[in-house]
């Protein structure tokens, strides 16, 4: 299984079945990360991490401090897709997979919005 970014007529395959989405919170300006894995049941949120707290982003009680991030596994069911918006009012998404991180702008044009993270289409 592998993941793709889908935007209008564009499809960008990502290597592997796991990707970390990272961004800076628009108010607190601290890093937030979510690691997603493609499974037969759908996209599973494996772990969420946040560098700080405040402005509606307080970590839950089960979070633990790891390498300066509060980390936990959110209890949400698998999703068919994750829709990412790019307003231009904040820094772009960062995607990390296969040990490297890149801005979404390195993969898709800045005007590509919305962008969907989903299993790659068959065929």
N, C-alpha and C. Protein backbone atom coordinates (compact mmCIF):
# COMPACT_ATOMS: atom_id res chain seq x y z
N UNK A 1 0.84 -1.17 0.00
CA UNK A 1 0.00 0.00 0.00
C UNK A 1 0.89 1.23 0.00
N UNK A 2 0.43 2.26 -0.66
CA UNK A 2 1.18 3.51 -0.63
C UNK A 2 0.21 4.68 -0.61
N UNK A 3 0.74 5.82 -0.20
CA UNK A 3 -0.07 7.03 -0.07
C UNK A 3 0.19 7.98 -1.22
N UNK A 4 -0.82 8.79 -1.53
CA UNK A 4 -0.71 9.80 -2.58
C UNK A 4 -1.28 11.12 -2.07
N UNK A 5 -0.78 12.20 -2.65
CA UNK A 5 -1.39 13.52 -2.50
C UNK A 5 -2.21 13.76 -3.76
N UNK A 6 -3.46 14.13 -3.58
CA UNK A 6 -4.36 14.37 -4.71
C UNK A 6 -4.81 15.82 -4.67
N UNK A 7 -4.68 16.51 -5.80
CA UNK A 7 -5.12 17.90 -5.90
C UNK A 7 -5.60 18.14 -7.33
N UNK A 8 -6.89 18.34 -7.49
CA UNK A 8 -7.50 18.52 -8.80
C UNK A 8 -7.08 17.34 -9.68
N UNK A 9 -6.42 17.60 -10.81
CA UNK A 9 -6.02 16.52 -11.71
C UNK A 9 -4.63 15.98 -11.39
N UNK A 10 -4.01 16.46 -10.33
CA UNK A 10 -2.65 16.04 -9.98
C UNK A 10 -2.67 14.90 -8.97
N UNK A 11 -1.78 13.93 -9.18
CA UNK A 11 -1.57 12.84 -8.24
C UNK A 11 -0.08 12.73 -7.99
N UNK A 12 0.33 12.86 -6.73
CA UNK A 12 1.74 12.75 -6.36
C UNK A 12 1.90 11.56 -5.43
N UNK A 13 2.49 10.46 -5.92
CA UNK A 13 2.69 9.29 -5.05
C UNK A 13 3.81 9.56 -4.04
N UNK A 14 3.60 9.10 -2.83
CA UNK A 14 4.62 9.16 -1.79
C UNK A 14 5.13 7.74 -1.56
N UNK A 15 6.41 7.58 -1.35
CA UNK A 15 6.94 6.24 -1.14
C UNK A 15 6.56 5.75 0.25
N UNK A 16 6.19 4.51 0.33
CA UNK A 16 5.85 3.90 1.60
C UNK A 16 4.41 4.10 2.00
N UNK A 17 4.07 3.51 3.16
CA UNK A 17 2.68 3.55 3.64
C UNK A 17 2.50 4.46 4.85
N UNK A 18 3.55 5.20 5.23
CA UNK A 18 3.49 6.07 6.41
C UNK A 18 4.03 7.46 6.06
N UNK A 19 3.33 8.48 6.54
CA UNK A 19 3.77 9.86 6.32
C UNK A 19 3.49 10.67 7.58
N UNK A 20 4.37 11.60 7.88
CA UNK A 20 4.14 12.54 8.97
C UNK A 20 3.82 13.90 8.38
N UNK A 21 2.67 14.45 8.76
CA UNK A 21 2.29 15.80 8.38
C UNK A 21 2.74 16.72 9.50
N UNK A 22 3.36 17.84 9.17
CA UNK A 22 3.83 18.77 10.19
C UNK A 22 3.46 20.19 9.77
N UNK A 23 3.17 21.03 10.75
CA UNK A 23 2.82 22.42 10.50
C UNK A 23 3.04 23.22 11.76
N UNK A 24 3.03 24.54 11.61
CA UNK A 24 3.10 25.44 12.77
C UNK A 24 1.69 25.94 13.07
N UNK A 25 1.32 25.88 14.33
CA UNK A 25 0.00 26.34 14.75
C UNK A 25 -0.13 27.82 14.40
N UNK A 26 -1.28 28.21 13.86
CA UNK A 26 -1.45 29.57 13.34
C UNK A 26 -1.45 30.64 14.42
N UNK A 27 -1.76 30.29 15.67
CA UNK A 27 -1.79 31.27 16.76
C UNK A 27 -0.54 31.15 17.63
N UNK A 28 -0.25 29.93 18.08
CA UNK A 28 0.87 29.71 19.01
C UNK A 28 2.23 29.60 18.32
N UNK A 29 2.22 29.32 17.02
CA UNK A 29 3.46 29.20 16.23
C UNK A 29 4.39 28.13 16.77
N UNK A 30 3.82 27.02 17.22
CA UNK A 30 4.62 25.87 17.64
C UNK A 30 4.33 24.71 16.70
N UNK A 31 5.26 23.81 16.61
CA UNK A 31 5.16 22.69 15.67
C UNK A 31 4.16 21.64 16.17
N UNK A 32 3.37 21.16 15.23
CA UNK A 32 2.42 20.08 15.45
C UNK A 32 2.72 19.03 14.41
N UNK A 33 2.68 17.75 14.78
CA UNK A 33 2.94 16.66 13.85
C UNK A 33 1.91 15.55 14.03
N UNK A 34 1.53 14.93 12.92
CA UNK A 34 0.66 13.76 12.95
C UNK A 34 1.26 12.72 12.01
N UNK A 35 1.38 11.50 12.49
CA UNK A 35 1.88 10.41 11.67
C UNK A 35 0.70 9.52 11.27
N UNK A 36 0.53 9.37 9.95
CA UNK A 36 -0.57 8.60 9.37
C UNK A 36 -0.02 7.37 8.65
N UNK A 37 -0.74 6.24 8.77
CA UNK A 37 -0.34 5.01 8.08
C UNK A 37 -1.53 4.49 7.27
N UNK A 38 -1.24 4.05 6.05
CA UNK A 38 -2.25 3.44 5.19
C UNK A 38 -2.39 1.97 5.58
N UNK A 39 -3.60 1.55 5.92
CA UNK A 39 -3.88 0.17 6.29
C UNK A 39 -5.08 -0.31 5.47
N UNK A 40 -5.35 -1.61 5.47
CA UNK A 40 -6.54 -2.10 4.76
C UNK A 40 -7.84 -1.48 5.28
N UNK A 41 -7.86 -1.03 6.55
CA UNK A 41 -9.06 -0.42 7.12
C UNK A 41 -9.18 1.06 6.78
N UNK A 42 -8.12 1.68 6.31
CA UNK A 42 -8.10 3.11 6.00
C UNK A 42 -6.88 3.79 6.57
N UNK A 43 -6.87 5.12 6.58
CA UNK A 43 -5.73 5.86 7.13
C UNK A 43 -5.86 5.90 8.65
N UNK A 44 -4.82 5.45 9.32
CA UNK A 44 -4.81 5.37 10.77
C UNK A 44 -3.87 6.45 11.31
N UNK A 45 -4.37 7.24 12.25
CA UNK A 45 -3.53 8.24 12.92
C UNK A 45 -2.74 7.51 14.00
N UNK A 46 -1.47 7.26 13.73
CA UNK A 46 -0.60 6.47 14.59
C UNK A 46 -0.18 7.27 15.82
N UNK A 47 0.16 8.55 15.61
CA UNK A 47 0.62 9.38 16.71
C UNK A 47 0.44 10.85 16.38
N UNK A 48 0.13 11.63 17.41
CA UNK A 48 0.10 13.10 17.31
C UNK A 48 1.15 13.63 18.26
N UNK A 49 1.81 14.73 17.87
CA UNK A 49 2.84 15.35 18.70
C UNK A 49 2.70 16.86 18.61
N UNK A 50 2.86 17.52 19.74
CA UNK A 50 2.82 18.98 19.75
C UNK A 50 3.95 19.48 20.64
N UNK A 51 4.59 20.55 20.21
CA UNK A 51 5.76 21.07 20.90
C UNK A 51 5.39 21.89 22.15
N UNK A 52 4.16 22.36 22.24
CA UNK A 52 3.74 23.16 23.39
C UNK A 52 2.26 23.01 23.61
N UNK A 53 1.66 23.96 24.30
CA UNK A 53 0.23 23.90 24.53
C UNK A 53 -0.33 25.32 24.49
N UNK A 54 -1.66 25.39 24.48
CA UNK A 54 -2.34 26.68 24.44
C UNK A 54 -3.19 26.81 23.20
N UNK A 55 -4.07 27.81 23.18
CA UNK A 55 -4.94 28.12 22.03
C UNK A 55 -5.64 26.89 21.48
N UNK A 56 -6.24 26.10 22.38
CA UNK A 56 -7.02 24.95 21.95
C UNK A 56 -6.23 23.76 21.50
N UNK A 57 -4.96 23.70 21.82
CA UNK A 57 -4.13 22.57 21.39
C UNK A 57 -3.46 21.88 22.57
N UNK A 58 -4.13 21.86 23.71
CA UNK A 58 -3.57 21.20 24.88
C UNK A 58 -3.54 19.69 24.67
N UNK A 59 -2.42 19.06 25.00
CA UNK A 59 -2.35 17.60 24.85
C UNK A 59 -3.29 16.92 25.85
N UNK A 60 -3.80 15.74 25.52
CA UNK A 60 -4.70 15.03 26.43
C UNK A 60 -3.93 14.45 27.62
N UNK A 61 -4.66 14.01 28.65
CA UNK A 61 -3.99 13.48 29.84
C UNK A 61 -3.05 12.30 29.58
N UNK A 62 -3.33 11.50 28.55
CA UNK A 62 -2.49 10.33 28.27
C UNK A 62 -1.19 10.68 27.52
N UNK A 63 -1.01 11.93 27.15
CA UNK A 63 0.22 12.34 26.43
C UNK A 63 1.43 12.20 27.34
N UNK A 64 2.56 11.89 26.72
CA UNK A 64 3.81 11.82 27.45
C UNK A 64 4.84 12.70 26.74
N UNK A 65 5.78 13.22 27.51
CA UNK A 65 6.81 14.11 26.96
C UNK A 65 7.93 13.26 26.38
N UNK A 66 8.22 13.51 25.09
CA UNK A 66 9.24 12.74 24.38
C UNK A 66 10.01 13.67 23.44
N UNK A 67 11.30 13.85 23.69
CA UNK A 67 12.15 14.70 22.85
C UNK A 67 11.57 16.11 22.68
N UNK A 68 11.00 16.66 23.75
CA UNK A 68 10.47 18.02 23.72
C UNK A 68 9.07 18.16 23.15
N UNK A 69 8.45 17.04 22.75
CA UNK A 69 7.09 17.04 22.22
C UNK A 69 6.17 16.28 23.16
N UNK A 70 4.94 16.75 23.31
CA UNK A 70 3.91 15.95 23.93
C UNK A 70 3.39 15.00 22.87
N UNK A 71 3.40 13.69 23.14
CA UNK A 71 3.01 12.69 22.14
C UNK A 71 1.92 11.78 22.70
N UNK A 72 1.01 11.37 21.82
CA UNK A 72 -0.06 10.46 22.20
C UNK A 72 -0.64 9.82 20.95
N UNK A 73 -1.44 8.79 21.16
CA UNK A 73 -2.14 8.13 20.06
C UNK A 73 -3.62 8.49 20.16
N UNK A 74 -4.12 9.35 19.27
CA UNK A 74 -5.54 9.73 19.31
C UNK A 74 -6.45 8.53 19.05
N UNK A 75 -7.55 8.48 19.74
CA UNK A 75 -8.51 7.39 19.59
C UNK A 75 -9.57 7.79 18.57
N UNK A 76 -9.19 7.73 17.29
CA UNK A 76 -10.16 8.00 16.23
C UNK A 76 -10.16 6.80 15.27
N UNK A 77 -11.28 6.51 14.65
CA UNK A 77 -11.32 5.38 13.72
C UNK A 77 -10.54 5.71 12.45
N UNK A 78 -10.16 4.68 11.68
CA UNK A 78 -9.49 4.91 10.41
C UNK A 78 -10.35 5.79 9.49
N UNK A 79 -9.68 6.61 8.68
CA UNK A 79 -10.35 7.52 7.75
C UNK A 79 -10.06 7.11 6.31
N UNK A 80 -10.98 7.42 5.43
CA UNK A 80 -10.78 7.14 4.00
C UNK A 80 -9.76 8.10 3.40
N UNK A 81 -9.68 9.34 3.95
CA UNK A 81 -8.79 10.36 3.43
C UNK A 81 -8.62 11.45 4.47
N UNK A 82 -7.59 12.27 4.29
CA UNK A 82 -7.36 13.44 5.13
C UNK A 82 -7.25 14.63 4.19
N UNK A 83 -8.13 15.62 4.36
CA UNK A 83 -8.14 16.80 3.50
C UNK A 83 -7.32 17.91 4.16
N UNK A 84 -6.37 18.44 3.41
CA UNK A 84 -5.46 19.49 3.89
C UNK A 84 -5.76 20.78 3.14
N UNK A 85 -5.94 21.86 3.87
CA UNK A 85 -6.19 23.16 3.23
C UNK A 85 -4.91 23.99 3.27
N UNK A 86 -4.74 24.84 2.27
CA UNK A 86 -3.56 25.70 2.14
C UNK A 86 -4.05 27.13 1.93
N UNK A 87 -4.21 27.86 3.02
CA UNK A 87 -4.78 29.20 2.94
C UNK A 87 -3.80 30.25 2.44
N UNK A 88 -2.52 30.00 2.61
CA UNK A 88 -1.52 31.01 2.29
C UNK A 88 -1.29 31.97 3.45
N UNK A 89 -2.16 31.92 4.46
CA UNK A 89 -2.03 32.80 5.62
C UNK A 89 -1.03 32.24 6.64
N UNK A 90 -0.68 30.96 6.50
CA UNK A 90 0.28 30.32 7.39
C UNK A 90 1.33 29.60 6.55
N UNK A 91 2.36 29.14 7.21
CA UNK A 91 3.39 28.37 6.49
C UNK A 91 2.77 27.10 5.92
N UNK A 92 3.32 26.62 4.83
CA UNK A 92 2.79 25.44 4.15
C UNK A 92 3.03 24.18 4.98
N UNK A 93 2.29 23.14 4.65
CA UNK A 93 2.46 21.84 5.26
C UNK A 93 3.87 21.31 4.98
N UNK A 94 4.37 20.50 5.87
CA UNK A 94 5.61 19.77 5.64
C UNK A 94 5.25 18.29 5.68
N UNK A 95 5.79 17.52 4.74
CA UNK A 95 5.55 16.08 4.69
C UNK A 95 6.86 15.36 4.90
N UNK A 96 6.85 14.42 5.83
CA UNK A 96 8.05 13.65 6.14
C UNK A 96 7.77 12.18 5.87
N UNK A 97 8.61 11.56 5.06
CA UNK A 97 8.53 10.13 4.80
C UNK A 97 9.88 9.67 4.30
N UNK A 98 10.18 8.42 4.53
CA UNK A 98 11.47 7.83 4.14
C UNK A 98 12.64 8.62 4.70
N UNK A 99 12.50 9.18 5.91
CA UNK A 99 13.61 9.86 6.57
C UNK A 99 13.89 11.27 6.09
N UNK A 100 13.04 11.82 5.24
CA UNK A 100 13.27 13.19 4.75
C UNK A 100 11.97 13.99 4.84
N UNK A 101 12.11 15.28 5.10
CA UNK A 101 10.96 16.18 5.16
C UNK A 101 11.06 17.21 4.04
N UNK A 102 9.89 17.49 3.42
CA UNK A 102 9.83 18.50 2.37
C UNK A 102 8.55 19.31 2.51
N UNK A 103 8.62 20.54 2.10
CA UNK A 103 7.43 21.38 2.08
C UNK A 103 6.49 20.85 1.00
N UNK A 104 5.19 20.99 1.23
CA UNK A 104 4.24 20.59 0.22
C UNK A 104 4.47 21.35 -1.09
N UNK A 105 4.98 22.58 -0.98
CA UNK A 105 5.27 23.38 -2.18
C UNK A 105 6.34 22.72 -3.06
N UNK A 106 7.15 21.84 -2.50
CA UNK A 106 8.14 21.12 -3.30
C UNK A 106 7.49 19.98 -4.09
N UNK A 107 6.25 19.64 -3.72
CA UNK A 107 5.55 18.54 -4.37
C UNK A 107 4.38 18.98 -5.24
N UNK A 108 3.75 20.09 -4.86
CA UNK A 108 2.57 20.58 -5.56
C UNK A 108 2.64 22.10 -5.68
N UNK A 109 2.04 22.68 -6.72
CA UNK A 109 2.04 24.14 -6.84
C UNK A 109 1.31 24.79 -5.66
N UNK A 110 1.70 26.00 -5.28
CA UNK A 110 1.10 26.67 -4.13
C UNK A 110 -0.41 26.86 -4.23
N UNK A 111 -0.93 26.98 -5.44
CA UNK A 111 -2.37 27.20 -5.61
C UNK A 111 -3.18 25.90 -5.51
N UNK A 112 -2.51 24.75 -5.39
CA UNK A 112 -3.21 23.48 -5.26
C UNK A 112 -3.88 23.43 -3.88
N UNK A 113 -5.20 23.56 -3.87
CA UNK A 113 -5.98 23.58 -2.63
C UNK A 113 -7.42 23.25 -2.96
N UNK A 114 -8.03 22.31 -2.27
CA UNK A 114 -7.48 21.50 -1.19
C UNK A 114 -6.59 20.38 -1.74
N UNK A 115 -5.84 19.79 -0.82
CA UNK A 115 -5.00 18.63 -1.13
C UNK A 115 -5.50 17.48 -0.27
N UNK A 116 -5.63 16.32 -0.86
CA UNK A 116 -6.13 15.16 -0.12
C UNK A 116 -5.02 14.13 0.01
N UNK A 117 -4.80 13.67 1.24
CA UNK A 117 -3.91 12.54 1.51
C UNK A 117 -4.79 11.30 1.51
N UNK A 118 -4.48 10.34 0.65
CA UNK A 118 -5.33 9.15 0.51
C UNK A 118 -4.49 8.01 -0.04
N UNK A 119 -5.02 6.79 0.07
CA UNK A 119 -4.33 5.68 -0.62
C UNK A 119 -4.26 5.97 -2.11
N UNK A 120 -3.18 5.59 -2.73
CA UNK A 120 -3.03 5.83 -4.17
C UNK A 120 -4.12 5.08 -4.93
N UNK A 121 -4.65 5.71 -5.96
CA UNK A 121 -5.66 5.04 -6.79
C UNK A 121 -5.09 3.78 -7.42
N UNK A 122 -5.89 2.75 -7.52
CA UNK A 122 -5.46 1.50 -8.14
C UNK A 122 -5.30 1.70 -9.64
N UNK A 123 -4.37 0.97 -10.20
CA UNK A 123 -4.24 0.99 -11.64
C UNK A 123 -3.12 1.79 -12.08
